[in-house]
Amino acid sequence: MTIESAIRTPLQTSLSGLVASVYNGIPETIIAPAVVLRADSPYLEPNLINSSTTKVKVNMIITGIVGYTNNAAAMDNLEQLMISILGEMPSGYQVGDVSSPQSLEVGTGKFLVADVQVSTQYTE
């Protein structure tokens, strides 16, 4: 198994019930509402390395993205999306705080985004 198959894809699948596009990595084009899974820093924290087993803590950021055409509506939409993300987190994850909202412009699109840090263990 790999981190892709054991962690990122199952997390994407867990979040696929959200009313949002869920991306397992940074997409070329953002279609809001969206959820983007990406590496945090540090990404991999070794817990145990020996000749037969490697265990690492995998740190990721889940970014919630909504359209930003009206400030009050965008904030409400982002809050609802972030609460939905928290509600869909699978067991085995440590979930951190949700960051303050930030505006983001990509191409001609304007978005409101927030991040939540998550981590889990991976053993190879």
PDB file of N, CA and C in Angstrom:
ATOM      1  N   MET A   1       0.836  -1.189   0.000  1.00  0.00           N
ATOM      2  CA  MET A   1       0.000   0.000   0.000  1.00  0.00           C
ATOM      3  C   MET A   1       0.878   1.250   0.000  1.00  0.00           C
ATOM      4  N   THR A   2       0.291   2.327  -0.453  1.00  0.00           N
ATOM      5  CA  THR A   2       0.990   3.607  -0.481  1.00  0.00           C
ATOM      6  C   THR A   2       0.173   4.631   0.311  1.00  0.00           C
ATOM      7  N   ILE A   3       0.759   5.769   0.569  1.00  0.00           N
ATOM      8  CA  ILE A   3       0.014   6.840   1.245  1.00  0.00           C
ATOM      9  C   ILE A   3      -1.176   7.253   0.384  1.00  0.00           C
ATOM     10  N   GLU A   4      -0.971   7.258  -0.931  1.00  0.00           N
ATOM     11  CA  GLU A   4      -2.064   7.589  -1.856  1.00  0.00           C
ATOM     12  C   GLU A   4      -3.252   6.647  -1.649  1.00  0.00           C
ATOM     13  N   SER A   5      -2.982   5.338  -1.676  1.00  0.00           N
ATOM     14  CA  SER A   5      -4.078   4.362  -1.613  1.00  0.00           C
ATOM     15  C   SER A   5      -4.598   4.134  -0.197  1.00  0.00           C
ATOM     16  N   ALA A   6      -3.753   4.330   0.809  1.00  0.00           N
ATOM     17  CA  ALA A   6      -4.171   4.062   2.190  1.00  0.00           C
ATOM     18  C   ALA A   6      -4.750   5.278   2.901  1.00  0.00           C
ATOM     19  N   ILE A   7      -4.386   6.481   2.446  1.00  0.00           N
ATOM     20  CA  ILE A   7      -4.809   7.677   3.188  1.00  0.00           C
ATOM     21  C   ILE A   7      -5.530   8.689   2.303  1.00  0.00           C
ATOM     22  N   ARG A   8      -4.875   9.181   1.248  1.00  0.00           N
ATOM     23  CA  ARG A   8      -5.469  10.281   0.479  1.00  0.00           C
ATOM     24  C   ARG A   8      -6.747   9.873  -0.243  1.00  0.00           C
ATOM     25  N   THR A   9      -6.730   8.756  -0.965  1.00  0.00           N
ATOM     26  CA  THR A   9      -7.930   8.345  -1.696  1.00  0.00           C
ATOM     27  C   THR A   9      -9.075   7.982  -0.750  1.00  0.00           C
ATOM     28  N   PRO A  10      -8.846   7.224   0.345  1.00  0.00           N
ATOM     29  CA  PRO A  10      -9.952   6.964   1.273  1.00  0.00           C
ATOM     30  C   PRO A  10     -10.512   8.246   1.912  1.00  0.00           C
ATOM     31  N   LEU A  11      -9.650   9.226   2.198  1.00  0.00           N
ATOM     32  CA  LEU A  11     -10.135  10.490   2.744  1.00  0.00           C
ATOM     33  C   LEU A  11     -10.990  11.212   1.710  1.00  0.00           C
ATOM     34  N   GLN A  12     -10.538  11.229   0.471  1.00  0.00           N
ATOM     35  CA  GLN A  12     -11.327  11.836  -0.607  1.00  0.00           C
ATOM     36  C   GLN A  12     -12.689  11.143  -0.716  1.00  0.00           C
ATOM     37  N   THR A  13     -12.705   9.820  -0.644  1.00  0.00           N
ATOM     38  CA  THR A  13     -13.950   9.059  -0.721  1.00  0.00           C
ATOM     39  C   THR A  13     -14.870   9.399   0.447  1.00  0.00           C
ATOM     40  N   SER A  14     -14.311   9.544   1.651  1.00  0.00           N
ATOM     41  CA  SER A  14     -15.110   9.893   2.825  1.00  0.00           C
ATOM     42  C   SER A  14     -15.786  11.250   2.671  1.00  0.00           C
ATOM     43  N   LEU A  15     -15.121  12.158   1.978  1.00  0.00           N
ATOM     44  CA  LEU A  15     -15.661  13.512   1.804  1.00  0.00           C
ATOM     45  C   LEU A  15     -16.505  13.655   0.542  1.00  0.00           C
ATOM     46  N   SER A  16     -16.614  12.610  -0.250  1.00  0.00           N
ATOM     47  CA  SER A  16     -17.312  12.707  -1.535  1.00  0.00           C
ATOM     48  C   SER A  16     -18.820  12.898  -1.391  1.00  0.00           C
ATOM     49  N   GLY A  17     -19.372  12.685  -0.207  1.00  0.00           N
ATOM     50  CA  GLY A  17     -20.796  12.920   0.011  1.00  0.00           C
ATOM     51  C   GLY A  17     -21.140  14.387   0.207  1.00  0.00           C
ATOM     52  N   LEU A  18     -20.125  15.232   0.308  1.00  0.00           N
ATOM     53  CA  LEU A  18     -20.364  16.669   0.475  1.00  0.00           C
ATOM     54  C   LEU A  18     -20.908  17.267  -0.813  1.00  0.00           C
ATOM     55  N   VAL A  19     -21.636  18.350  -0.674  1.00  0.00           N
ATOM     56  CA  VAL A  19     -22.122  19.073  -1.853  1.00  0.00           C
ATOM     57  C   VAL A  19     -20.990  19.996  -2.304  1.00  0.00           C
ATOM     58  N   ALA A  20     -19.944  19.374  -2.838  1.00  0.00           N
ATOM     59  CA  ALA A  20     -18.752  20.098  -3.283  1.00  0.00           C
ATOM     60  C   ALA A  20     -17.924  19.160  -4.146  1.00  0.00           C
ATOM     61  N   SER A  21     -17.119  19.742  -5.012  1.00  0.00           N
ATOM     62  CA  SER A  21     -16.141  18.959  -5.760  1.00  0.00           C
ATOM     63  C   SER A  21     -15.000  18.650  -4.799  1.00  0.00           C
ATOM     64  N   VAL A  22     -14.583  17.395  -4.720  1.00  0.00           N
ATOM     65  CA  VAL A  22     -13.510  17.007  -3.800  1.00  0.00           C
ATOM     66  C   VAL A  22     -12.298  16.599  -4.633  1.00  0.00           C
ATOM     67  N   TYR A  23     -11.179  17.313  -4.415  1.00  0.00           N
ATOM     68  CA  TYR A  23      -9.963  17.099  -5.181  1.00  0.00           C
ATOM     69  C   TYR A  23      -8.876  16.496  -4.295  1.00  0.00           C
ATOM     70  N   ASN A  24      -8.269  15.430  -4.763  1.00  0.00           N
ATOM     71  CA  ASN A  24      -7.164  14.783  -4.076  1.00  0.00           C
ATOM     72  C   ASN A  24      -5.868  15.396  -4.607  1.00  0.00           C
ATOM     73  N   GLY A  25      -5.649  16.640  -4.295  1.00  0.00           N
ATOM     74  CA  GLY A  25      -4.513  17.401  -4.799  1.00  0.00           C
ATOM     75  C   GLY A  25      -5.019  18.718  -5.362  1.00  0.00           C
ATOM     76  N   ILE A  26      -4.100  19.587  -5.693  1.00  0.00           N
ATOM     77  CA  ILE A  26      -4.466  20.925  -6.161  1.00  0.00           C
ATOM     78  C   ILE A  26      -4.933  20.836  -7.615  1.00  0.00           C
ATOM     79  N   PRO A  27      -6.177  21.238  -7.888  1.00  0.00           N
ATOM     80  CA  PRO A  27      -6.709  21.126  -9.254  1.00  0.00           C
ATOM     81  C   PRO A  27      -6.212  22.260 -10.149  1.00  0.00           C
ATOM     82  N   GLU A  28      -6.245  22.009 -11.443  1.00  0.00           N
ATOM     83  CA  GLU A  28      -5.874  23.056 -12.397  1.00  0.00           C
ATOM     84  C   GLU A  28      -6.947  24.130 -12.454  1.00  0.00           C
ATOM     85  N   THR A  29      -8.207  23.721 -12.320  1.00  0.00           N
ATOM     86  CA  THR A  29      -9.340  24.638 -12.341  1.00  0.00           C
ATOM     87  C   THR A  29     -10.204  24.365 -11.121  1.00  0.00           C
ATOM     88  N   ILE A  30     -10.621  25.407 -10.433  1.00  0.00           N
ATOM     89  CA  ILE A  30     -11.447  25.249  -9.242  1.00  0.00           C
ATOM     90  C   ILE A  30     -12.904  25.485  -9.612  1.00  0.00           C
ATOM     91  N   ILE A  31     -13.735  24.515  -9.266  1.00  0.00           N
ATOM     92  CA  ILE A  31     -15.182  24.662  -9.423  1.00  0.00           C
ATOM     93  C   ILE A  31     -15.763  24.672  -8.017  1.00  0.00           C
ATOM     94  N   ALA A  32     -16.211  25.834  -7.572  1.00  0.00           N
ATOM     95  CA  ALA A  32     -16.730  25.989  -6.209  1.00  0.00           C
ATOM     96  C   ALA A  32     -18.196  25.571  -6.144  1.00  0.00           C
ATOM     97  N   PRO A  33     -18.632  25.049  -5.005  1.00  0.00           N
ATOM     98  CA  PRO A  33     -17.831  24.796  -3.816  1.00  0.00           C
ATOM     99  C   PRO A  33     -16.898  23.617  -4.040  1.00  0.00           C
ATOM    100  N   ALA A  34     -15.764  23.667  -3.351  1.00  0.00           N
ATOM    101  CA  ALA A  34     -14.756  22.629  -3.538  1.00  0.00           C
ATOM    102  C   ALA A  34     -14.051  22.327  -2.225  1.00  0.00           C
ATOM    103  N   VAL A  35     -13.486  21.128  -2.177  1.00  0.00           N
ATOM    104  CA  VAL A  35     -12.655  20.684  -1.059  1.00  0.00           C
ATOM    105  C   VAL A  35     -11.369  20.167  -1.678  1.00  0.00           C
ATOM    106  N   VAL A  36     -10.234  20.672  -1.195  1.00  0.00           N
ATOM    107  CA  VAL A  36      -8.936  20.286  -1.745  1.00  0.00           C
ATOM    108  C   VAL A  36      -8.097  19.664  -0.634  1.00  0.00           C
ATOM    109  N   LEU A  37      -7.584  18.467  -0.894  1.00  0.00           N
ATOM    110  CA  LEU A  37      -6.684  17.787   0.029  1.00  0.00           C
ATOM    111  C   LEU A  37      -5.258  18.073  -0.413  1.00  0.00           C
ATOM    112  N   ARG A  38      -4.422  18.542   0.531  1.00  0.00           N
ATOM    113  CA  ARG A  38      -3.035  18.833   0.171  1.00  0.00           C
ATOM    114  C   ARG A  38      -2.125  18.589   1.369  1.00  0.00           C
ATOM    115  N   ALA A  39      -0.844  18.488   1.100  1.00  0.00           N
ATOM    116  CA  ALA A  39       0.144  18.220   2.142  1.00  0.00           C
ATOM    117  C   ALA A  39       0.329  19.438   3.034  1.00  0.00           C
ATOM    118  N   ASP A  40       0.515  19.180   4.326  1.00  0.00           N
ATOM    119  CA  ASP A  40       0.852  20.226   5.290  1.00  0.00           C
ATOM    120  C   ASP A  40       2.366  20.202   5.485  1.00  0.00           C
ATOM    121  N   SER A  41       2.875  21.109   6.288  1.00  0.00           N
ATOM    122  CA  SER A  41       4.293  21.134   6.595  1.00  0.00           C
ATOM    123  C   SER A  41       4.478  21.074   8.110  1.00  0.00           C
ATOM    124  N   PRO A  42       5.159  20.105   8.644  1.00  0.00           N
ATOM    125  CA  PRO A  42       5.793  19.013   7.929  1.00  0.00           C
ATOM    126  C   PRO A  42       4.731  18.049   7.393  1.00  0.00           C
ATOM    127  N   TYR A  43       5.040  17.409   6.293  1.00  0.00           N
ATOM    128  CA  TYR A  43       4.101  16.470   5.681  1.00  0.00           C
ATOM    129  C   TYR A  43       4.186  15.097   6.341  1.00  0.00           C
ATOM    130  N   LEU A  44       5.396  14.553   6.425  1.00  0.00           N
ATOM    131  CA  LEU A  44       5.593  13.237   7.024  1.00  0.00           C
ATOM    132  C   LEU A  44       6.512  13.371   8.235  1.00  0.00           C
ATOM    133  N   GLU A  45       6.050  12.869   9.393  1.00  0.00           N
ATOM    134  CA  GLU A  45       6.841  12.875  10.621  1.00  0.00           C
ATOM    135  C   GLU A  45       7.149  11.435  11.009  1.00  0.00           C
ATOM    136  N   PRO A  46       8.394  11.010  10.881  1.00  0.00           N
ATOM    137  CA  PRO A  46       8.736   9.627  11.229  1.00  0.00           C
ATOM    138  C   PRO A  46       8.479   9.344  12.714  1.00  0.00           C
ATOM    139  N   ASN A  47       7.826   8.208  12.975  1.00  0.00           N
ATOM    140  CA  ASN A  47       7.606   7.743  14.345  1.00  0.00           C
ATOM    141  C   ASN A  47       8.513   6.563  14.650  1.00  0.00           C
ATOM    142  N   LEU A  48       8.726   5.706  13.640  1.00  0.00           N
ATOM    143  CA  LEU A  48       9.527   4.501  13.819  1.00  0.00           C
ATOM    144  C   LEU A  48      10.104   4.104  12.465  1.00  0.00           C
ATOM    145  N   ILE A  49      11.380   3.886  12.455  1.00  0.00           N
ATOM    146  CA  ILE A  49      12.027   3.380  11.241  1.00  0.00           C
ATOM    147  C   ILE A  49      12.953   2.255  11.685  1.00  0.00           C
ATOM    148  N   ASN A  50      12.721   1.070  11.157  1.00  0.00           N
ATOM    149  CA  ASN A  50      13.640  -0.041  11.395  1.00  0.00           C
ATOM    150  C   ASN A  50      13.665  -0.911  10.151  1.00  0.00           C
ATOM    151  N   SER A  51      14.300  -2.039  10.216  1.00  0.00           N
ATOM    152  CA  SER A  51      14.478  -2.853   9.013  1.00  0.00           C
ATOM    153  C   SER A  51      13.188  -3.468   8.488  1.00  0.00           C
ATOM    154  N   SER A  52      12.143  -3.560   9.324  1.00  0.00           N
ATOM    155  CA  SER A  52      10.914  -4.201   8.861  1.00  0.00           C
ATOM    156  C   SER A  52       9.707  -3.275   8.802  1.00  0.00           C
ATOM    157  N   THR A  53       9.746  -2.155   9.499  1.00  0.00           N
ATOM    158  CA  THR A  53       8.568  -1.291   9.576  1.00  0.00           C
ATOM    159  C   THR A  53       8.961   0.181   9.527  1.00  0.00           C
ATOM    160  N   THR A  54       8.165   0.944   8.809  1.00  0.00           N
ATOM    161  CA  THR A  54       8.287   2.398   8.833  1.00  0.00           C
ATOM    162  C   THR A  54       6.929   2.959   9.187  1.00  0.00           C
ATOM    163  N   LYS A  55       6.878   3.774  10.242  1.00  0.00           N
ATOM    164  CA  LYS A  55       5.629   4.423  10.648  1.00  0.00           C
ATOM    165  C   LYS A  55       5.840   5.927  10.596  1.00  0.00           C
ATOM    166  N   VAL A  56       4.888   6.617   9.975  1.00  0.00           N
ATOM    167  CA  VAL A  56       4.959   8.070   9.903  1.00  0.00           C
ATOM    168  C   VAL A  56       3.597   8.680  10.224  1.00  0.00           C
ATOM    169  N   LYS A  57       3.645   9.860  10.787  1.00  0.00           N
ATOM    170  CA  LYS A  57       2.442  10.666  10.955  1.00  0.00           C
ATOM    171  C   LYS A  57       2.311  11.482   9.677  1.00  0.00           C
ATOM    172  N   VAL A  58       1.141  11.416   9.031  1.00  0.00           N
ATOM    173  CA  VAL A  58       0.894  12.134   7.783  1.00  0.00           C
ATOM    174  C   VAL A  58       0.044  13.361   8.108  1.00  0.00           C
ATOM    175  N   ASN A  59       0.583  14.541   7.845  1.00  0.00           N
ATOM    176  CA  ASN A  59      -0.112  15.798   8.112  1.00  0.00           C
ATOM    177  C   ASN A  59      -0.641  16.373   6.802  1.00  0.00           C
ATOM    178  N   MET A  60      -1.917  16.693   6.808  1.00  0.00           N
ATOM    179  CA  MET A  60      -2.546  17.235   5.601  1.00  0.00           C
ATOM    180  C   MET A  60      -3.376  18.455   5.954  1.00  0.00           C
ATOM    181  N   ILE A  61      -3.704  19.217   4.937  1.00  0.00           N
ATOM    182  CA  ILE A  61      -4.618  20.354   5.059  1.00  0.00           C
ATOM    183  C   ILE A  61      -5.810  20.070   4.159  1.00  0.00           C
ATOM    184  N   ILE A  62      -6.976  20.274   4.698  1.00  0.00           N
ATOM    185  CA  ILE A  62      -8.194  20.212   3.896  1.00  0.00           C
ATOM    186  C   ILE A  62      -8.669  21.649   3.733  1.00  0.00           C
ATOM    187  N   THR A  63      -8.729  22.099   2.488  1.00  0.00           N
ATOM    188  CA  THR A  63      -9.149  23.471   2.202  1.00  0.00           C
ATOM    189  C   THR A  63     -10.578  23.463   1.675  1.00  0.00           C
ATOM    190  N   GLY A  64     -11.436  24.241   2.319  1.00  0.00           N
ATOM    191  CA  GLY A  64     -12.800  24.441   1.842  1.00  0.00           C
ATOM    192  C   GLY A  64     -12.841  25.713   1.011  1.00  0.00           C
ATOM    193  N   ILE A  65     -13.510  25.660  -0.132  1.00  0.00           N
ATOM    194  CA  ILE A  65     -13.540  26.789  -1.070  1.00  0.00           C
ATOM    195  C   ILE A  65     -14.973  27.047  -1.506  1.00  0.00           C
ATOM    196  N   VAL A  66     -15.403  28.298  -1.400  1.00  0.00           N
ATOM    197  CA  VAL A  66     -16.733  28.692  -1.896  1.00  0.00           C
ATOM    198  C   VAL A  66     -16.588  29.934  -2.760  1.00  0.00           C
ATOM    199  N   GLY A  67     -17.584  30.168  -3.606  1.00  0.00           N
ATOM    200  CA  GLY A  67     -17.603  31.372  -4.423  1.00  0.00           C
ATOM    201  C   GLY A  67     -17.732  32.608  -3.550  1.00  0.00           C
ATOM    202  N   TYR A  68     -17.136  33.714  -4.012  1.00  0.00           N
ATOM    203  CA  TYR A  68     -17.089  34.932  -3.204  1.00  0.00           C
ATOM    204  C   TYR A  68     -17.685  36.093  -3.992  1.00  0.00           C
ATOM    205  N   THR A  69     -19.011  36.089  -4.105  1.00  0.00           N
ATOM    206  CA  THR A  69     -19.681  37.190  -4.798  1.00  0.00           C
ATOM    207  C   THR A  69     -20.371  38.126  -3.822  1.00  0.00           C
ATOM    208  N   ASN A  70     -20.728  37.616  -2.659  1.00  0.00           N
ATOM    209  CA  ASN A  70     -21.387  38.401  -1.621  1.00  0.00           C
ATOM    210  C   ASN A  70     -20.773  37.983  -0.300  1.00  0.00           C
ATOM    211  N   ASN A  71     -20.204  38.919   0.451  1.00  0.00           N
ATOM    212  CA  ASN A  71     -19.447  38.583   1.650  1.00  0.00           C
ATOM    213  C   ASN A  71     -20.255  37.784   2.666  1.00  0.00           C
ATOM    214  N   ALA A  72     -21.462  38.233   3.003  1.00  0.00           N
ATOM    215  CA  ALA A  72     -22.271  37.541   4.018  1.00  0.00           C
ATOM    216  C   ALA A  72     -22.655  36.144   3.546  1.00  0.00           C
ATOM    217  N   ALA A  73     -23.069  36.018   2.311  1.00  0.00           N
ATOM    218  CA  ALA A  73     -23.460  34.712   1.780  1.00  0.00           C
ATOM    219  C   ALA A  73     -22.249  33.783   1.680  1.00  0.00           C
ATOM    220  N   ALA A  74     -21.117  34.312   1.245  1.00  0.00           N
ATOM    221  CA  ALA A  74     -19.910  33.493   1.123  1.00  0.00           C
ATOM    222  C   ALA A  74     -19.471  32.977   2.485  1.00  0.00           C
ATOM    223  N   MET A  75     -19.521  33.825   3.489  1.00  0.00           N
ATOM    224  CA  MET A  75     -19.126  33.413   4.836  1.00  0.00           C
ATOM    225  C   MET A  75     -20.041  32.302   5.340  1.00  0.00           C
ATOM    226  N   ASP A  76     -21.334  32.460   5.146  1.00  0.00           N
ATOM    227  CA  ASP A  76     -22.288  31.434   5.571  1.00  0.00           C
ATOM    228  C   ASP A  76     -22.033  30.124   4.820  1.00  0.00           C
ATOM    229  N   ASN A  77     -21.816  30.204   3.520  1.00  0.00           N
ATOM    230  CA  ASN A  77     -21.539  29.008   2.720  1.00  0.00           C
ATOM    231  C   ASN A  77     -20.250  28.325   3.171  1.00  0.00           C
ATOM    232  N   LEU A  78     -19.220  29.114   3.480  1.00  0.00           N
ATOM    233  CA  LEU A  78     -17.954  28.544   3.924  1.00  0.00           C
ATOM    234  C   LEU A  78     -18.117  27.876   5.292  1.00  0.00           C
ATOM    235  N   GLU A  79     -18.824  28.527   6.190  1.00  0.00           N
ATOM    236  CA  GLU A  79     -19.061  27.932   7.509  1.00  0.00           C
ATOM    237  C   GLU A  79     -19.792  26.601   7.378  1.00  0.00           C
ATOM    238  N   GLN A  80     -20.814  26.559   6.538  1.00  0.00           N
ATOM    239  CA  GLN A  80     -21.556  25.317   6.335  1.00  0.00           C
ATOM    240  C   GLN A  80     -20.669  24.229   5.737  1.00  0.00           C
ATOM    241  N   LEU A  81     -19.819  24.595   4.779  1.00  0.00           N
ATOM    242  CA  LEU A  81     -18.928  23.625   4.160  1.00  0.00           C
ATOM    243  C   LEU A  81     -17.925  23.082   5.178  1.00  0.00           C
ATOM    244  N   MET A  82     -17.330  23.950   5.979  1.00  0.00           N
ATOM    245  CA  MET A  82     -16.335  23.503   6.953  1.00  0.00           C
ATOM    246  C   MET A  82     -16.971  22.602   8.013  1.00  0.00           C
ATOM    247  N   ILE A  83     -18.172  22.929   8.468  1.00  0.00           N
ATOM    248  CA  ILE A  83     -18.881  22.078   9.435  1.00  0.00           C
ATOM    249  C   ILE A  83     -19.176  20.724   8.798  1.00  0.00           C
ATOM    250  N   SER A  84     -19.554  20.717   7.529  1.00  0.00           N
ATOM    251  CA  SER A  84     -19.816  19.462   6.825  1.00  0.00           C
ATOM    252  C   SER A  84     -18.548  18.618   6.708  1.00  0.00           C
ATOM    253  N   ILE A  85     -17.423  19.260   6.426  1.00  0.00           N
ATOM    254  CA  ILE A  85     -16.148  18.541   6.347  1.00  0.00           C
ATOM    255  C   ILE A  85     -15.846  17.879   7.683  1.00  0.00           C
ATOM    256  N   LEU A  86     -15.986  18.633   8.762  1.00  0.00           N
ATOM    257  CA  LEU A  86     -15.708  18.081  10.094  1.00  0.00           C
ATOM    258  C   LEU A  86     -16.617  16.894  10.395  1.00  0.00           C
ATOM    259  N   GLY A  87     -17.873  16.986   9.967  1.00  0.00           N
ATOM    260  CA  GLY A  87     -18.833  15.916  10.211  1.00  0.00           C
ATOM    261  C   GLY A  87     -18.568  14.658   9.409  1.00  0.00           C
ATOM    262  N   GLU A  88     -17.840  14.769   8.306  1.00  0.00           N
ATOM    263  CA  GLU A  88     -17.569  13.621   7.440  1.00  0.00           C
ATOM    264  C   GLU A  88     -16.185  13.001   7.656  1.00  0.00           C
ATOM    265  N   MET A  89     -15.407  13.536   8.602  1.00  0.00           N
ATOM    266  CA  MET A  89     -14.066  12.999   8.824  1.00  0.00           C
ATOM    267  C   MET A  89     -14.144  11.563   9.312  1.00  0.00           C
ATOM    268  N   PRO A  90     -13.366  10.679   8.684  1.00  0.00           N
ATOM    269  CA  PRO A  90     -13.368   9.278   9.123  1.00  0.00           C
ATOM    270  C   PRO A  90     -12.639   9.115  10.457  1.00  0.00           C
ATOM    271  N   SER A  91     -12.877   8.006  11.114  1.00  0.00           N
ATOM    272  CA  SER A  91     -12.187   7.735  12.377  1.00  0.00           C
ATOM    273  C   SER A  91     -10.698   7.541  12.093  1.00  0.00           C
ATOM    274  N   GLY A  92      -9.889   7.755  13.110  1.00  0.00           N
ATOM    275  CA  GLY A  92      -8.449   7.586  12.967  1.00  0.00           C
ATOM    276  C   GLY A  92      -7.710   8.851  12.604  1.00  0.00           C
ATOM    277  N   TYR A  93      -8.420   9.963  12.500  1.00  0.00           N
ATOM    278  CA  TYR A  93      -7.795  11.248  12.172  1.00  0.00           C
ATOM    279  C   TYR A  93      -7.825  12.177  13.371  1.00  0.00           C
ATOM    280  N   GLN A  94      -6.733  12.902  13.578  1.00  0.00           N
ATOM    281  CA  GLN A  94      -6.719  14.009  14.514  1.00  0.00           C
ATOM    282  C   GLN A  94      -7.081  15.242  13.708  1.00  0.00           C
ATOM    283  N   VAL A  95      -8.017  16.030  14.211  1.00  0.00           N
ATOM    284  CA  VAL A  95      -8.502  17.199  13.482  1.00  0.00           C
ATOM    285  C   VAL A  95      -8.155  18.451  14.274  1.00  0.00           C
ATOM    286  N   GLY A  96      -7.532  19.407  13.599  1.00  0.00           N
ATOM    287  CA  GLY A  96      -7.146  20.661  14.232  1.00  0.00           C
ATOM    288  C   GLY A  96      -8.210  21.724  14.061  1.00  0.00           C
ATOM    289  N   ASP A  97      -7.829  22.948  14.340  1.00  0.00           N
ATOM    290  CA  ASP A  97      -8.735  24.093  14.231  1.00  0.00           C
ATOM    291  C   ASP A  97      -8.933  24.499  12.773  1.00  0.00           C
ATOM    292  N   VAL A  98     -10.026  25.203  12.537  1.00  0.00           N
ATOM    293  CA  VAL A  98     -10.299  25.765  11.213  1.00  0.00           C
ATOM    294  C   VAL A  98      -9.697  27.174  11.179  1.00  0.00           C
ATOM    295  N   SER A  99      -8.950  27.467  10.131  1.00  0.00           N
ATOM    296  CA  SER A  99      -8.309  28.778  10.001  1.00  0.00           C
ATOM    297  C   SER A  99      -9.339  29.867   9.719  1.00  0.00           C
ATOM    298  N   SER A 100      -8.911  31.101   9.900  1.00  0.00           N
ATOM    299  CA  SER A 100      -9.784  32.211   9.549  1.00  0.00           C
ATOM    300  C   SER A 100      -9.932  32.267   8.029  1.00  0.00           C
ATOM    301  N   PRO A 101     -11.085  32.708   7.533  1.00  0.00           N
ATOM    302  CA  PRO A 101     -11.310  32.775   6.089  1.00  0.00           C
ATOM    303  C   PRO A 101     -10.354  33.763   5.410  1.00  0.00           C
ATOM    304  N   GLN A 102      -9.966  33.413   4.188  1.00  0.00           N
ATOM    305  CA  GLN A 102      -9.106  34.257   3.367  1.00  0.00           C
ATOM    306  C   GLN A 102      -9.718  34.349   1.974  1.00  0.00           C
ATOM    307  N   SER A 103      -9.516  35.475   1.323  1.00  0.00           N
ATOM    308  CA  SER A 103      -9.979  35.576  -0.063  1.00  0.00           C
ATOM    309  C   SER A 103      -8.882  35.049  -0.985  1.00  0.00           C
ATOM    310  N   LEU A 104      -9.313  34.491  -2.110  1.00  0.00           N
ATOM    311  CA  LEU A 104      -8.388  33.895  -3.065  1.00  0.00           C
ATOM    312  C   LEU A 104      -8.900  34.206  -4.459  1.00  0.00           C
ATOM    313  N   GLU A 105      -8.012  34.682  -5.319  1.00  0.00           N
ATOM    314  CA  GLU A 105      -8.367  34.911  -6.713  1.00  0.00           C
ATOM    315  C   GLU A 105      -7.544  33.979  -7.580  1.00  0.00           C
ATOM    316  N   VAL A 106      -8.241  33.200  -8.403  1.00  0.00           N
ATOM    317  CA  VAL A 106      -7.592  32.288  -9.332  1.00  0.00           C
ATOM    318  C   VAL A 106      -8.192  32.566 -10.701  1.00  0.00           C
ATOM    319  N   GLY A 107      -7.367  33.059 -11.615  1.00  0.00           N
ATOM    320  CA  GLY A 107      -7.887  33.460 -12.922  1.00  0.00           C
ATOM    321  C   GLY A 107      -8.910  34.565 -12.721  1.00  0.00           C
ATOM    322  N   THR A 108     -10.098  34.347 -13.245  1.00  0.00           N
ATOM    323  CA  THR A 108     -11.171  35.338 -13.072  1.00  0.00           C
ATOM    324  C   THR A 108     -12.068  35.003 -11.888  1.00  0.00           C
ATOM    325  N   GLY A 109     -11.789  33.902 -11.198  1.00  0.00           N
ATOM    326  CA  GLY A 109     -12.635  33.479 -10.079  1.00  0.00           C
ATOM    327  C   GLY A 109     -12.216  34.098  -8.763  1.00  0.00           C
ATOM    328  N   LYS A 110     -13.228  34.464  -7.958  1.00  0.00           N
ATOM    329  CA  LYS A 110     -12.992  34.964  -6.602  1.00  0.00           C
ATOM    330  C   LYS A 110     -13.602  33.966  -5.632  1.00  0.00           C
ATOM    331  N   PHE A 111     -12.800  33.580  -4.629  1.00  0.00           N
ATOM    332  CA  PHE A 111     -13.218  32.550  -3.697  1.00  0.00           C
ATOM    333  C   PHE A 111     -12.936  32.966  -2.260  1.00  0.00           C
ATOM    334  N   LEU A 112     -13.667  32.355  -1.339  1.00  0.00           N
ATOM    335  CA  LEU A 112     -13.404  32.479   0.088  1.00  0.00           C
ATOM    336  C   LEU A 112     -12.988  31.090   0.547  1.00  0.00           C
ATOM    337  N   VAL A 113     -11.860  31.004   1.266  1.00  0.00           N
ATOM    338  CA  VAL A 113     -11.297  29.705   1.630  1.00  0.00           C
ATOM    339  C   VAL A 113     -10.963  29.658   3.121  1.00  0.00           C
ATOM    340  N   ALA A 114     -10.962  28.435   3.657  1.00  0.00           N
ATOM    341  CA  ALA A 114     -10.494  28.187   5.019  1.00  0.00           C
ATOM    342  C   ALA A 114      -9.855  26.809   5.033  1.00  0.00           C
ATOM    343  N   ASP A 115      -8.912  26.624   5.944  1.00  0.00           N
ATOM    344  CA  ASP A 115      -8.183  25.360   6.053  1.00  0.00           C
ATOM    345  C   ASP A 115      -8.463  24.700   7.396  1.00  0.00           C
ATOM    346  N   VAL A 116      -8.409  23.379   7.388  1.00  0.00           N
ATOM    347  CA  VAL A 116      -8.405  22.616   8.632  1.00  0.00           C
ATOM    348  C   VAL A 116      -7.259  21.615   8.530  1.00  0.00           C
ATOM    349  N   GLN A 117      -6.453  21.543   9.582  1.00  0.00           N
ATOM    350  CA  GLN A 117      -5.328  20.619   9.603  1.00  0.00           C
ATOM    351  C   GLN A 117      -5.803  19.281  10.134  1.00  0.00           C
ATOM    352  N   VAL A 118      -5.385  18.202   9.459  1.00  0.00           N
ATOM    353  CA  VAL A 118      -5.707  16.852   9.896  1.00  0.00           C
ATOM    354  C   VAL A 118      -4.449  16.006   9.839  1.00  0.00           C
ATOM    355  N   SER A 119      -4.417  14.971  10.646  1.00  0.00           N
ATOM    356  CA  SER A 119      -3.277  14.058  10.610  1.00  0.00           C
ATOM    357  C   SER A 119      -3.742  12.646  10.962  1.00  0.00           C
ATOM    358  N   THR A 120      -2.977  11.674  10.469  1.00  0.00           N
ATOM    359  CA  THR A 120      -3.248  10.274  10.746  1.00  0.00           C
ATOM    360  C   THR A 120      -1.920   9.521  10.648  1.00  0.00           C
ATOM    361  N   GLN A 121      -1.962   8.256  11.005  1.00  0.00           N
ATOM    362  CA  GLN A 121      -0.756   7.426  10.983  1.00  0.00           C
ATOM    363  C   GLN A 121      -0.733   6.532   9.754  1.00  0.00           C
ATOM    364  N   TYR A 122       0.461   6.303   9.227  1.00  0.00           N
ATOM    365  CA  TYR A 122       0.661   5.397   8.098  1.00  0.00           C
ATOM    366  C   TYR A 122       1.797   4.452   8.441  1.00  0.00           C
ATOM    367  N   THR A 123       1.590   3.171   8.182  1.00  0.00           N
ATOM    368  CA  THR A 123       2.624   2.165   8.438  1.00  0.00           C
ATOM    369  C   THR A 123       2.907   1.420   7.139  1.00  0.00           C
ATOM    370  N   GLU A 124       4.172   1.291   6.836  1.00  0.00           N
ATOM    371  CA  GLU A 124       4.568   0.508   5.643  1.00  0.00           C
ATOM    372  C   GLU A 124       5.429  -0.654   6.090  1.00  0.00           C
TER     373      GLU A 124
END
